[in-house]
N, C-alpha and C. Protein backbone atom coordinates (compact mmCIF):
# COMPACT_ATOMS: atom_id res chain seq x y z
N MET A 1 -19.17 -16.31 11.57
CA MET A 1 -18.43 -16.17 12.73
C MET A 1 -18.24 -14.63 13.01
N THR A 2 -18.26 -14.45 14.50
CA THR A 2 -18.42 -13.12 14.87
C THR A 2 -16.89 -12.60 15.07
N GLN A 3 -17.04 -11.08 14.91
CA GLN A 3 -15.49 -10.58 14.88
C GLN A 3 -14.93 -10.48 16.18
N ASP A 4 -13.52 -10.56 16.36
CA ASP A 4 -13.01 -10.31 17.72
C ASP A 4 -13.02 -8.99 18.25
N PRO A 5 -13.51 -8.77 19.20
CA PRO A 5 -13.86 -7.52 19.69
C PRO A 5 -12.62 -6.69 20.15
N ASN A 6 -11.42 -7.06 20.10
CA ASN A 6 -10.11 -6.53 20.28
C ASN A 6 -9.49 -6.24 18.99
N ARG A 7 -10.10 -6.38 17.75
CA ARG A 7 -9.56 -6.25 16.70
C ARG A 7 -10.64 -5.23 15.63
N CYS A 8 -9.92 -4.51 14.72
CA CYS A 8 -10.72 -3.84 13.95
C CYS A 8 -11.73 -4.70 13.06
N GLY A 9 -12.93 -4.06 12.85
CA GLY A 9 -13.85 -5.09 12.59
C GLY A 9 -14.06 -5.09 11.13
N TRP A 10 -13.01 -5.65 10.20
CA TRP A 10 -12.84 -5.70 8.88
C TRP A 10 -13.82 -6.85 8.35
N ARG A 11 -14.54 -6.67 7.44
CA ARG A 11 -15.27 -7.70 6.81
C ARG A 11 -14.43 -8.71 6.31
N GLY A 12 -14.60 -9.89 6.81
CA GLY A 12 -13.96 -11.11 6.33
C GLY A 12 -12.80 -11.63 6.98
N MET A 13 -12.31 -10.65 7.99
CA MET A 13 -11.04 -10.97 8.70
C MET A 13 -11.00 -11.90 9.70
N ALA A 14 -12.12 -12.06 10.51
CA ALA A 14 -12.36 -13.16 11.51
C ALA A 14 -12.09 -14.66 11.01
N GLY A 15 -11.27 -15.21 11.62
CA GLY A 15 -11.04 -16.58 11.35
C GLY A 15 -10.01 -16.96 10.12
N ASP A 16 -9.70 -15.95 9.54
CA ASP A 16 -8.73 -15.95 8.39
C ASP A 16 -7.41 -15.83 8.78
N PRO A 17 -6.49 -16.75 9.14
CA PRO A 17 -5.10 -16.35 9.75
C PRO A 17 -4.11 -15.46 9.06
N LEU A 18 -4.28 -15.56 7.72
CA LEU A 18 -3.37 -14.64 6.80
C LEU A 18 -3.97 -13.10 6.83
N TYR A 19 -5.33 -13.07 6.98
CA TYR A 19 -5.85 -11.55 7.09
C TYR A 19 -5.41 -11.25 8.49
N GLU A 20 -5.86 -11.95 9.70
CA GLU A 20 -5.53 -11.64 10.95
C GLU A 20 -4.15 -11.19 11.37
N ALA A 21 -3.01 -12.03 10.78
CA ALA A 21 -1.59 -11.69 10.85
C ALA A 21 -1.32 -10.49 10.08
N TYR A 22 -1.89 -10.25 9.03
CA TYR A 22 -1.56 -8.72 8.38
C TYR A 22 -1.98 -7.65 9.13
N HIS A 23 -3.25 -7.78 9.60
CA HIS A 23 -3.79 -6.91 10.67
C HIS A 23 -2.98 -6.74 12.02
N ASP A 24 -2.49 -7.84 12.49
CA ASP A 24 -1.99 -7.64 13.94
C ASP A 24 -0.56 -7.43 13.60
N ASN A 25 0.19 -7.68 12.59
CA ASN A 25 1.61 -7.39 12.56
C ASN A 25 2.19 -6.23 11.55
N GLU A 26 1.34 -6.06 10.47
CA GLU A 26 1.83 -5.15 9.51
C GLU A 26 0.92 -3.65 9.20
N TRP A 27 -0.48 -4.14 9.02
CA TRP A 27 -1.32 -2.81 8.80
C TRP A 27 -1.02 -1.77 9.88
N GLY A 28 -0.77 -0.52 9.27
CA GLY A 28 -0.65 0.54 10.17
C GLY A 28 0.54 0.84 10.79
N VAL A 29 1.72 -0.13 10.84
CA VAL A 29 2.98 0.22 11.27
C VAL A 29 3.82 1.13 10.34
N PRO A 30 4.27 2.04 10.93
CA PRO A 30 4.78 3.19 10.08
C PRO A 30 6.16 2.37 9.35
N GLU A 31 6.16 2.66 7.79
CA GLU A 31 7.02 2.30 7.14
C GLU A 31 7.78 3.28 6.51
N TYR A 32 9.08 3.44 6.67
CA TYR A 32 9.81 4.52 6.21
C TYR A 32 10.85 4.20 5.06
N ASP A 33 11.03 2.76 4.69
CA ASP A 33 11.79 2.39 3.63
C ASP A 33 11.18 2.80 2.32
N SER A 34 12.01 3.40 1.54
CA SER A 34 11.53 3.81 0.20
C SER A 34 10.99 2.84 -0.66
N ARG A 35 11.94 1.67 -0.87
CA ARG A 35 11.51 0.61 -1.54
C ARG A 35 10.38 -0.34 -1.05
N ALA A 36 10.22 -0.30 0.12
CA ALA A 36 9.15 -1.08 0.53
C ALA A 36 7.80 -0.18 0.64
N LEU A 37 7.91 1.15 0.53
CA LEU A 37 6.65 2.17 0.34
C LEU A 37 6.38 1.90 -1.07
N TRP A 38 7.25 1.98 -1.97
CA TRP A 38 6.97 1.68 -3.38
C TRP A 38 6.17 0.48 -3.49
N GLU A 39 6.70 -0.62 -3.20
CA GLU A 39 6.29 -2.05 -3.33
C GLU A 39 4.92 -1.85 -2.87
N LYS A 40 4.53 -1.23 -1.61
CA LYS A 40 3.45 -1.55 -1.20
C LYS A 40 2.19 -0.66 -2.18
N LEU A 41 2.94 0.36 -2.52
CA LEU A 41 2.02 1.43 -3.52
C LEU A 41 1.65 0.68 -4.72
N VAL A 42 2.62 -0.20 -5.38
CA VAL A 42 2.23 -0.92 -6.42
C VAL A 42 1.32 -1.88 -6.25
N LEU A 43 1.32 -2.85 -5.07
CA LEU A 43 0.32 -3.67 -4.75
C LEU A 43 -0.96 -3.06 -4.48
N ASP A 44 -1.02 -1.90 -3.77
CA ASP A 44 -2.32 -1.29 -3.73
C ASP A 44 -2.94 -0.79 -5.14
N GLY A 45 -1.96 -0.39 -6.08
CA GLY A 45 -2.57 -0.06 -7.27
C GLY A 45 -3.12 -1.46 -8.11
N PHE A 46 -2.53 -2.57 -7.77
CA PHE A 46 -3.05 -4.06 -8.47
C PHE A 46 -4.37 -4.25 -7.70
N GLN A 47 -4.44 -3.72 -6.41
CA GLN A 47 -5.90 -3.94 -5.74
C GLN A 47 -7.04 -3.20 -6.43
N ALA A 48 -6.85 -2.21 -7.15
CA ALA A 48 -7.96 -1.53 -7.76
C ALA A 48 -9.18 -2.27 -8.26
N GLY A 49 -10.06 -2.33 -7.74
CA GLY A 49 -11.38 -2.97 -8.17
C GLY A 49 -11.42 -4.22 -7.59
N LEU A 50 -10.58 -4.84 -6.48
CA LEU A 50 -10.53 -5.88 -6.03
C LEU A 50 -10.47 -5.80 -4.57
N ALA A 51 -10.63 -6.86 -3.76
CA ALA A 51 -10.63 -6.66 -2.24
C ALA A 51 -9.19 -7.04 -2.18
N TRP A 52 -8.62 -6.35 -0.84
CA TRP A 52 -7.40 -6.40 -0.43
C TRP A 52 -6.90 -7.86 -0.15
N ILE A 53 -7.82 -8.52 0.47
CA ILE A 53 -7.34 -10.07 0.70
C ILE A 53 -7.00 -10.86 -0.57
N THR A 54 -7.40 -10.48 -1.89
CA THR A 54 -7.12 -10.91 -3.05
C THR A 54 -5.56 -10.73 -3.10
N ILE A 55 -5.17 -9.64 -3.18
CA ILE A 55 -3.64 -9.12 -3.29
C ILE A 55 -2.90 -9.75 -2.15
N LEU A 56 -3.41 -9.82 -0.83
CA LEU A 56 -2.53 -10.37 0.11
C LEU A 56 -2.39 -11.74 -0.03
N ARG A 57 -3.37 -12.48 -0.55
CA ARG A 57 -3.03 -13.93 -1.02
C ARG A 57 -2.18 -14.16 -1.95
N LYS A 58 -2.03 -13.36 -2.96
CA LYS A 58 -1.10 -13.46 -4.07
C LYS A 58 0.19 -12.74 -3.90
N ARG A 59 0.35 -12.04 -2.74
CA ARG A 59 1.41 -11.31 -2.50
C ARG A 59 2.83 -11.95 -2.71
N GLU A 60 3.02 -13.12 -2.32
CA GLU A 60 4.45 -14.04 -2.53
C GLU A 60 4.42 -14.07 -3.93
N ALA A 61 3.31 -14.28 -4.80
CA ALA A 61 3.46 -14.69 -6.16
C ALA A 61 3.87 -13.33 -6.97
N PHE A 62 3.30 -12.29 -6.34
CA PHE A 62 3.74 -10.95 -6.94
C PHE A 62 5.08 -10.75 -6.84
N ARG A 63 5.60 -10.84 -5.63
CA ARG A 63 7.01 -10.86 -5.27
C ARG A 63 8.06 -11.60 -5.95
N ALA A 64 7.60 -12.72 -6.49
CA ALA A 64 8.41 -13.69 -7.14
C ALA A 64 8.49 -13.17 -8.68
N ALA A 65 7.26 -12.90 -9.24
CA ALA A 65 6.91 -12.28 -10.57
C ALA A 65 7.55 -11.00 -10.93
N PHE A 66 7.81 -10.29 -9.76
CA PHE A 66 8.38 -9.05 -10.06
C PHE A 66 9.75 -8.93 -9.38
N GLU A 67 10.36 -9.95 -9.12
CA GLU A 67 11.86 -10.09 -8.84
C GLU A 67 12.01 -9.23 -7.47
N GLY A 68 11.06 -9.36 -6.50
CA GLY A 68 11.27 -8.60 -5.28
C GLY A 68 11.09 -7.40 -5.16
N PHE A 69 10.35 -6.81 -6.27
CA PHE A 69 10.01 -5.48 -6.39
C PHE A 69 11.30 -4.70 -6.41
N ASP A 70 12.29 -5.12 -7.10
CA ASP A 70 13.60 -4.42 -7.20
C ASP A 70 13.34 -3.38 -8.51
N PRO A 71 13.29 -1.98 -8.24
CA PRO A 71 12.94 -1.05 -9.20
C PRO A 71 13.95 -1.11 -10.40
N GLU A 72 15.17 -1.42 -9.93
CA GLU A 72 16.29 -1.51 -10.88
C GLU A 72 15.95 -2.41 -12.06
N LYS A 73 15.53 -3.52 -11.68
CA LYS A 73 15.02 -4.66 -12.51
C LYS A 73 13.83 -4.32 -13.31
N ILE A 74 12.88 -4.03 -12.61
CA ILE A 74 11.68 -3.85 -13.22
C ILE A 74 11.39 -2.54 -14.11
N ALA A 75 12.30 -1.68 -13.82
CA ALA A 75 12.41 -0.58 -15.00
C ALA A 75 12.98 -0.87 -16.34
N LEU A 76 13.69 -2.15 -16.42
CA LEU A 76 14.19 -2.68 -17.70
C LEU A 76 13.42 -3.66 -18.27
N TYR A 77 12.01 -3.86 -17.73
CA TYR A 77 11.23 -4.83 -18.32
C TYR A 77 10.77 -4.30 -19.57
N GLY A 78 10.77 -5.31 -20.50
CA GLY A 78 10.21 -4.93 -21.96
C GLY A 78 8.99 -5.91 -22.26
N GLU A 79 8.75 -6.18 -23.49
CA GLU A 79 7.68 -6.93 -24.05
C GLU A 79 7.74 -8.25 -23.44
N ALA A 80 8.91 -9.05 -23.32
CA ALA A 80 8.96 -10.37 -23.02
C ALA A 80 8.44 -10.43 -21.48
N ASP A 81 8.93 -9.38 -20.84
CA ASP A 81 8.51 -9.46 -19.32
C ASP A 81 7.04 -9.19 -19.26
N ARG A 82 6.47 -8.34 -20.08
CA ARG A 82 4.95 -7.98 -20.00
C ARG A 82 4.12 -9.26 -20.27
N ALA A 83 4.76 -10.06 -21.32
CA ALA A 83 4.08 -11.24 -21.92
C ALA A 83 4.23 -12.26 -20.77
N ARG A 84 5.41 -12.46 -19.96
CA ARG A 84 5.65 -13.42 -18.74
C ARG A 84 4.55 -12.99 -17.75
N LEU A 85 4.43 -11.91 -17.48
CA LEU A 85 3.60 -11.40 -16.36
C LEU A 85 2.11 -11.55 -16.65
N MET A 86 1.72 -11.35 -17.83
CA MET A 86 0.31 -11.57 -18.14
C MET A 86 0.02 -12.91 -18.32
N ALA A 87 0.97 -13.86 -18.38
CA ALA A 87 0.73 -15.28 -18.41
C ALA A 87 0.73 -15.89 -16.86
N ASP A 88 1.22 -15.27 -15.96
CA ASP A 88 1.26 -15.56 -14.73
C ASP A 88 -0.08 -15.60 -13.88
N ALA A 89 -0.65 -16.63 -13.86
CA ALA A 89 -2.02 -16.95 -13.13
C ALA A 89 -1.74 -16.58 -11.52
N GLY A 90 -0.57 -16.50 -11.07
CA GLY A 90 -0.31 -16.11 -9.66
C GLY A 90 -0.70 -14.74 -9.22
N ILE A 91 -0.57 -13.89 -10.36
CA ILE A 91 -0.81 -12.55 -10.06
C ILE A 91 -1.87 -11.86 -10.62
N VAL A 92 -2.31 -10.76 -10.48
CA VAL A 92 -3.55 -9.97 -11.12
C VAL A 92 -3.05 -9.62 -12.53
N ARG A 93 -3.48 -10.21 -13.64
CA ARG A 93 -3.04 -9.74 -14.87
C ARG A 93 -3.98 -8.87 -15.58
N SER A 94 -3.29 -7.45 -15.58
CA SER A 94 -3.84 -6.41 -16.22
C SER A 94 -2.66 -5.69 -16.91
N ASN A 95 -2.95 -5.47 -18.20
CA ASN A 95 -1.90 -4.75 -18.83
C ASN A 95 -1.61 -3.34 -18.28
N ALA A 96 -2.65 -2.72 -18.08
CA ALA A 96 -2.42 -1.45 -17.37
C ALA A 96 -1.81 -1.31 -16.17
N LYS A 97 -2.06 -2.26 -15.17
CA LYS A 97 -1.47 -2.46 -14.06
C LYS A 97 -0.20 -2.71 -13.88
N ILE A 98 0.19 -3.70 -15.03
CA ILE A 98 1.58 -4.14 -15.06
C ILE A 98 2.37 -2.72 -15.64
N ASP A 99 1.87 -2.13 -16.71
CA ASP A 99 2.64 -0.99 -17.11
C ASP A 99 2.80 0.13 -16.18
N ALA A 100 1.68 0.22 -15.40
CA ALA A 100 1.92 1.31 -14.11
C ALA A 100 2.86 0.85 -13.19
N ALA A 101 3.22 -0.48 -13.00
CA ALA A 101 4.21 -0.90 -12.03
C ALA A 101 5.77 -0.61 -12.68
N ILE A 102 5.78 -0.84 -14.02
CA ILE A 102 7.13 -0.67 -14.81
C ILE A 102 7.42 0.94 -14.81
N GLY A 103 6.29 1.48 -15.24
CA GLY A 103 6.41 2.93 -15.22
C GLY A 103 6.81 3.74 -13.99
N GLY A 104 6.32 3.06 -12.90
CA GLY A 104 6.45 3.60 -11.69
C GLY A 104 7.86 3.25 -10.94
N ALA A 105 8.49 2.17 -11.47
CA ALA A 105 9.77 1.68 -11.24
C ALA A 105 10.73 2.93 -11.88
N LYS A 106 10.23 3.24 -13.02
CA LYS A 106 11.22 4.35 -13.68
C LYS A 106 11.09 5.52 -13.03
N ILE A 107 9.95 5.81 -12.73
CA ILE A 107 9.77 7.14 -11.95
C ILE A 107 10.46 7.35 -10.70
N TYR A 108 10.35 6.06 -9.81
CA TYR A 108 11.03 5.86 -8.65
C TYR A 108 12.76 6.23 -8.78
N LEU A 109 13.07 5.42 -9.77
CA LEU A 109 14.48 5.69 -9.98
C LEU A 109 14.89 7.10 -10.31
N ALA A 110 14.03 7.66 -11.05
CA ALA A 110 14.33 9.05 -11.86
C ALA A 110 14.27 10.09 -10.54
N MET A 111 13.31 9.63 -9.50
CA MET A 111 13.31 10.46 -8.26
C MET A 111 14.61 10.32 -7.42
N ARG A 112 15.02 9.06 -7.18
CA ARG A 112 16.33 8.92 -6.66
C ARG A 112 17.50 9.44 -7.36
N ASP A 113 17.71 9.30 -8.40
CA ASP A 113 18.76 9.91 -9.24
C ASP A 113 18.93 11.52 -9.25
N ARG A 114 17.61 12.18 -8.97
CA ARG A 114 17.58 13.67 -8.63
C ARG A 114 17.83 13.83 -7.43
N GLY A 115 18.15 12.81 -6.49
CA GLY A 115 18.39 13.28 -4.98
C GLY A 115 17.11 13.13 -4.19
N GLU A 116 16.05 12.89 -4.88
CA GLU A 116 14.52 12.88 -4.10
C GLU A 116 14.20 11.68 -3.57
N ASP A 117 14.29 11.66 -2.27
CA ASP A 117 13.83 10.33 -1.47
C ASP A 117 12.46 10.17 -1.42
N PHE A 118 11.91 8.96 -2.00
CA PHE A 118 10.52 8.56 -2.19
C PHE A 118 9.97 8.48 -0.80
N SER A 119 10.65 7.95 0.17
CA SER A 119 9.97 8.06 1.55
C SER A 119 9.85 9.56 2.11
N LYS A 120 10.74 10.20 1.93
CA LYS A 120 10.71 11.64 2.48
C LYS A 120 9.33 12.27 1.52
N PHE A 121 9.58 12.25 0.46
CA PHE A 121 8.41 12.89 -0.51
C PHE A 121 7.11 12.58 0.04
N CYS A 122 6.98 11.26 0.35
CA CYS A 122 5.51 10.72 0.90
C CYS A 122 5.11 11.21 2.31
N TRP A 123 6.14 11.07 3.17
CA TRP A 123 5.95 11.34 4.49
C TRP A 123 5.67 12.85 4.70
N ASP A 124 6.40 13.68 3.90
CA ASP A 124 6.20 15.12 3.95
C ASP A 124 4.61 15.46 3.71
N HIS A 125 3.87 14.81 3.24
CA HIS A 125 2.49 14.99 3.05
C HIS A 125 1.57 14.84 4.24
N VAL A 126 2.20 14.11 5.38
CA VAL A 126 1.57 14.15 6.49
C VAL A 126 2.40 14.78 7.73
N GLY A 127 3.47 15.73 7.27
CA GLY A 127 4.25 16.40 8.28
C GLY A 127 5.35 15.49 8.84
N GLY A 128 5.67 14.36 8.39
CA GLY A 128 6.70 13.52 8.67
C GLY A 128 6.40 12.57 9.87
N ALA A 129 5.24 12.58 10.18
CA ALA A 129 4.75 11.76 11.39
C ALA A 129 3.28 11.10 11.11
N PRO A 130 2.89 10.08 11.55
CA PRO A 130 1.60 9.39 11.48
C PRO A 130 0.50 10.23 11.88
N ILE A 131 -0.69 10.48 11.03
CA ILE A 131 -1.72 11.05 11.76
C ILE A 131 -2.37 10.03 12.65
N GLN A 132 -2.69 10.45 14.07
CA GLN A 132 -3.32 9.61 14.85
C GLN A 132 -4.74 9.73 14.95
N ASN A 133 -5.63 9.07 14.20
CA ASN A 133 -6.98 9.15 14.39
C ASN A 133 -7.59 8.35 15.61
N ARG A 134 -8.82 8.59 15.78
CA ARG A 134 -9.38 7.87 17.10
C ARG A 134 -10.67 7.50 16.69
N TRP A 135 -10.98 6.69 15.73
CA TRP A 135 -12.21 6.02 15.08
C TRP A 135 -12.66 5.02 16.37
N THR A 136 -13.93 5.12 16.58
CA THR A 136 -14.58 4.07 17.42
C THR A 136 -15.32 2.93 16.66
N GLN A 137 -15.62 3.50 15.43
CA GLN A 137 -16.57 2.31 14.76
C GLN A 137 -16.11 2.41 13.30
N ILE A 138 -16.00 1.27 12.67
CA ILE A 138 -15.38 1.06 11.29
C ILE A 138 -16.23 2.10 10.35
N GLY A 139 -17.45 2.30 10.49
CA GLY A 139 -18.25 3.32 9.57
C GLY A 139 -17.68 4.82 9.77
N GLN A 140 -16.96 5.05 10.69
CA GLN A 140 -16.15 6.49 10.71
C GLN A 140 -15.19 6.55 9.92
N VAL A 141 -14.35 5.60 9.62
CA VAL A 141 -13.10 5.76 8.70
C VAL A 141 -13.33 6.13 7.35
N PRO A 142 -12.93 7.05 6.97
CA PRO A 142 -13.22 7.76 5.37
C PRO A 142 -12.50 6.80 4.42
N ALA A 143 -13.02 7.04 3.33
CA ALA A 143 -12.34 6.34 2.07
C ALA A 143 -11.30 7.12 1.56
N GLN A 144 -11.39 8.52 1.82
CA GLN A 144 -10.06 9.31 1.60
C GLN A 144 -10.18 10.62 2.27
N THR A 145 -9.08 11.35 2.33
CA THR A 145 -8.95 12.41 3.16
C THR A 145 -8.30 13.56 2.36
N PRO A 146 -8.34 14.95 2.89
CA PRO A 146 -7.78 15.83 2.10
C PRO A 146 -6.23 15.53 1.87
N GLU A 147 -5.44 14.87 2.92
CA GLU A 147 -4.12 14.50 2.69
C GLU A 147 -3.89 13.61 1.57
N ALA A 148 -4.82 12.56 1.52
CA ALA A 148 -4.76 11.60 0.32
C ALA A 148 -4.99 12.04 -0.80
N VAL A 149 -5.87 13.14 -0.95
CA VAL A 149 -6.24 13.97 -2.23
C VAL A 149 -4.74 14.54 -2.63
N GLU A 150 -4.14 15.08 -1.63
CA GLU A 150 -3.07 15.99 -2.13
C GLU A 150 -1.79 15.02 -2.29
N LEU A 151 -1.62 13.94 -1.61
CA LEU A 151 -0.68 13.04 -2.13
C LEU A 151 -0.82 12.37 -3.39
N SER A 152 -2.15 12.00 -3.55
CA SER A 152 -2.57 11.63 -4.89
C SER A 152 -2.27 12.58 -5.96
N LYS A 153 -2.52 13.60 -6.04
CA LYS A 153 -2.16 14.69 -6.85
C LYS A 153 -0.72 14.92 -7.19
N SER A 154 0.03 14.63 -6.21
CA SER A 154 1.66 14.70 -6.25
C SER A 154 2.19 13.60 -6.77
N LEU A 155 1.49 12.50 -6.63
CA LEU A 155 2.12 11.20 -7.18
C LEU A 155 1.74 11.05 -8.71
N LYS A 156 0.48 11.67 -9.12
CA LYS A 156 0.04 11.70 -10.36
C LYS A 156 0.85 12.77 -11.07
N ALA A 157 1.14 13.81 -10.52
CA ALA A 157 2.12 14.81 -11.02
C ALA A 157 3.60 14.32 -11.41
N LYS A 158 4.08 13.19 -10.73
CA LYS A 158 5.21 12.72 -10.99
C LYS A 158 5.27 11.62 -12.14
N GLY A 159 3.90 11.30 -12.40
CA GLY A 159 3.62 10.24 -13.63
C GLY A 159 3.12 8.91 -12.91
N PHE A 160 3.00 8.82 -11.58
CA PHE A 160 2.40 7.44 -11.11
C PHE A 160 1.05 7.22 -11.61
N LYS A 161 0.86 5.96 -11.79
CA LYS A 161 -0.66 5.58 -12.30
C LYS A 161 -1.29 4.68 -11.04
N PHE A 162 -2.59 4.61 -11.11
CA PHE A 162 -3.38 3.93 -10.19
C PHE A 162 -2.91 4.40 -8.69
N VAL A 163 -3.10 5.94 -8.61
CA VAL A 163 -2.73 6.36 -7.56
C VAL A 163 -3.89 7.46 -7.12
N GLY A 164 -5.23 7.06 -7.38
CA GLY A 164 -6.21 7.98 -6.96
C GLY A 164 -6.46 8.12 -5.44
N PRO A 165 -7.05 9.08 -5.14
CA PRO A 165 -7.06 9.29 -3.57
C PRO A 165 -7.74 8.28 -2.67
N VAL A 166 -8.58 7.28 -3.12
CA VAL A 166 -9.09 6.20 -2.48
C VAL A 166 -7.93 5.07 -2.38
N ILE A 167 -7.30 4.83 -3.41
CA ILE A 167 -6.01 3.96 -3.35
C ILE A 167 -5.14 4.47 -2.42
N VAL A 168 -4.91 5.78 -2.61
CA VAL A 168 -3.58 6.38 -1.82
C VAL A 168 -4.00 6.30 -0.39
N TYR A 169 -5.43 6.53 0.10
CA TYR A 169 -5.68 6.59 1.47
C TYR A 169 -5.57 5.00 1.98
N ALA A 170 -5.90 4.06 1.11
CA ALA A 170 -5.70 2.70 1.69
C ALA A 170 -4.28 2.50 1.88
N TRP A 171 -3.30 2.87 1.04
CA TRP A 171 -1.88 2.61 0.93
C TRP A 171 -1.46 3.46 2.39
N MET A 172 -1.84 4.77 2.56
CA MET A 172 -1.50 5.46 3.60
C MET A 172 -1.98 4.79 4.89
N GLN A 173 -2.86 4.13 5.00
CA GLN A 173 -3.49 3.41 6.24
C GLN A 173 -2.54 2.08 6.39
N ALA A 174 -2.37 1.57 5.25
CA ALA A 174 -1.27 0.35 5.42
C ALA A 174 -0.08 0.68 5.83
N VAL A 175 0.59 1.77 5.29
CA VAL A 175 2.17 2.13 5.69
C VAL A 175 2.29 2.79 6.90
N GLY A 176 1.16 3.03 7.56
CA GLY A 176 1.10 3.76 8.99
C GLY A 176 1.17 5.22 8.82
N MET A 177 1.10 5.95 7.72
CA MET A 177 0.91 7.36 7.58
C MET A 177 -0.31 7.82 8.44
N VAL A 178 -1.12 6.95 8.44
CA VAL A 178 -2.36 7.33 9.40
C VAL A 178 -2.54 6.00 10.20
N ASN A 179 -2.95 6.26 11.50
CA ASN A 179 -3.15 5.26 12.31
C ASN A 179 -4.70 5.04 12.37
N ASP A 180 -5.24 4.20 11.68
CA ASP A 180 -6.93 3.92 11.66
C ASP A 180 -7.17 2.70 12.21
N HIS A 181 -6.36 2.22 13.08
CA HIS A 181 -6.83 1.01 13.75
C HIS A 181 -7.79 1.86 14.75
N LEU A 182 -9.06 1.05 15.18
CA LEU A 182 -10.21 1.54 15.93
C LEU A 182 -9.47 1.57 17.23
N THR A 183 -10.20 2.55 18.05
CA THR A 183 -9.54 2.78 19.53
C THR A 183 -9.67 1.52 20.32
N HIS A 184 -10.80 0.59 20.16
CA HIS A 184 -10.75 -0.65 20.86
C HIS A 184 -9.71 -1.68 20.54
N CYS A 185 -9.15 -1.50 19.23
CA CYS A 185 -8.27 -2.66 18.82
C CYS A 185 -7.01 -2.58 19.55
N PHE A 186 -6.63 -3.84 19.78
CA PHE A 186 -5.51 -3.78 20.49
C PHE A 186 -4.12 -3.30 19.89
N ARG A 187 -4.18 -3.16 18.57
CA ARG A 187 -2.96 -2.68 17.71
C ARG A 187 -3.05 -1.00 17.74
N HIS A 188 -4.20 -0.29 18.34
CA HIS A 188 -4.25 1.02 18.15
C HIS A 188 -2.80 1.92 18.79
N GLU A 189 -3.07 1.45 20.11
CA GLU A 189 -2.07 1.86 20.82
C GLU A 189 -0.55 1.56 20.64
N ALA A 190 -0.42 0.16 20.12
CA ALA A 190 0.75 -0.29 19.79
C ALA A 190 1.43 0.39 18.62
N VAL A 191 0.54 0.91 17.55
CA VAL A 191 0.85 1.37 16.47
C VAL A 191 1.38 2.85 16.76
N ARG A 192 0.51 3.34 17.64
CA ARG A 192 0.71 4.92 17.94
C ARG A 192 2.16 4.89 18.50
N LYS A 193 2.48 4.08 19.42
CA LYS A 193 3.80 3.94 20.08
C LYS A 193 4.96 3.76 19.09
N ALA A 194 4.72 3.01 17.95
CA ALA A 194 5.68 2.83 17.00
C ALA A 194 6.05 3.95 16.06
N ALA A 195 5.23 4.79 16.21
CA ALA A 195 5.63 6.15 15.21
C ALA A 195 6.92 6.80 15.83
N ARG A 196 7.69 7.40 14.95
CA ARG A 196 8.76 7.95 15.23
C ARG A 196 8.37 9.52 15.93
């Protein structure tokens, strides 16, 4: 099947309604809600070594398994919860990634309790507004950028796991910290206008 000329040329997207809906409605839209940003960072961590479509297809199962990604609940998870999650075939079962999600919830709450807003912390790495790229071909889009490297270092310094610069850049693209829709894509201009 040929790629729609009015969309970004992601491999495997053409004809997949879930993937197309994600591209058309979510990817690249600036997200400023701290909890939603953290949820997406956790999901990108679970993606490590996998295709994003795998996570996208399991996203609702993840949300159910992790109780809506409520950091208050996840931070209290113990061995029984880890065992429950490792037995859940609906999600990616990885002890290291599950531990990273639980640890990340604790870090998120510790930041909040110190008066440090997770959204502001992240968005400050791009000057508070999306970086507006103007790529014309998929091959021009980098796997990481200096901003992603710096944000990755900052997240690691807080104690977050599965936040290397490639994962962080994919997350920055997803949450609209950068507009990496190709210029011919019908979403490029819409996402640009959605930025505050």
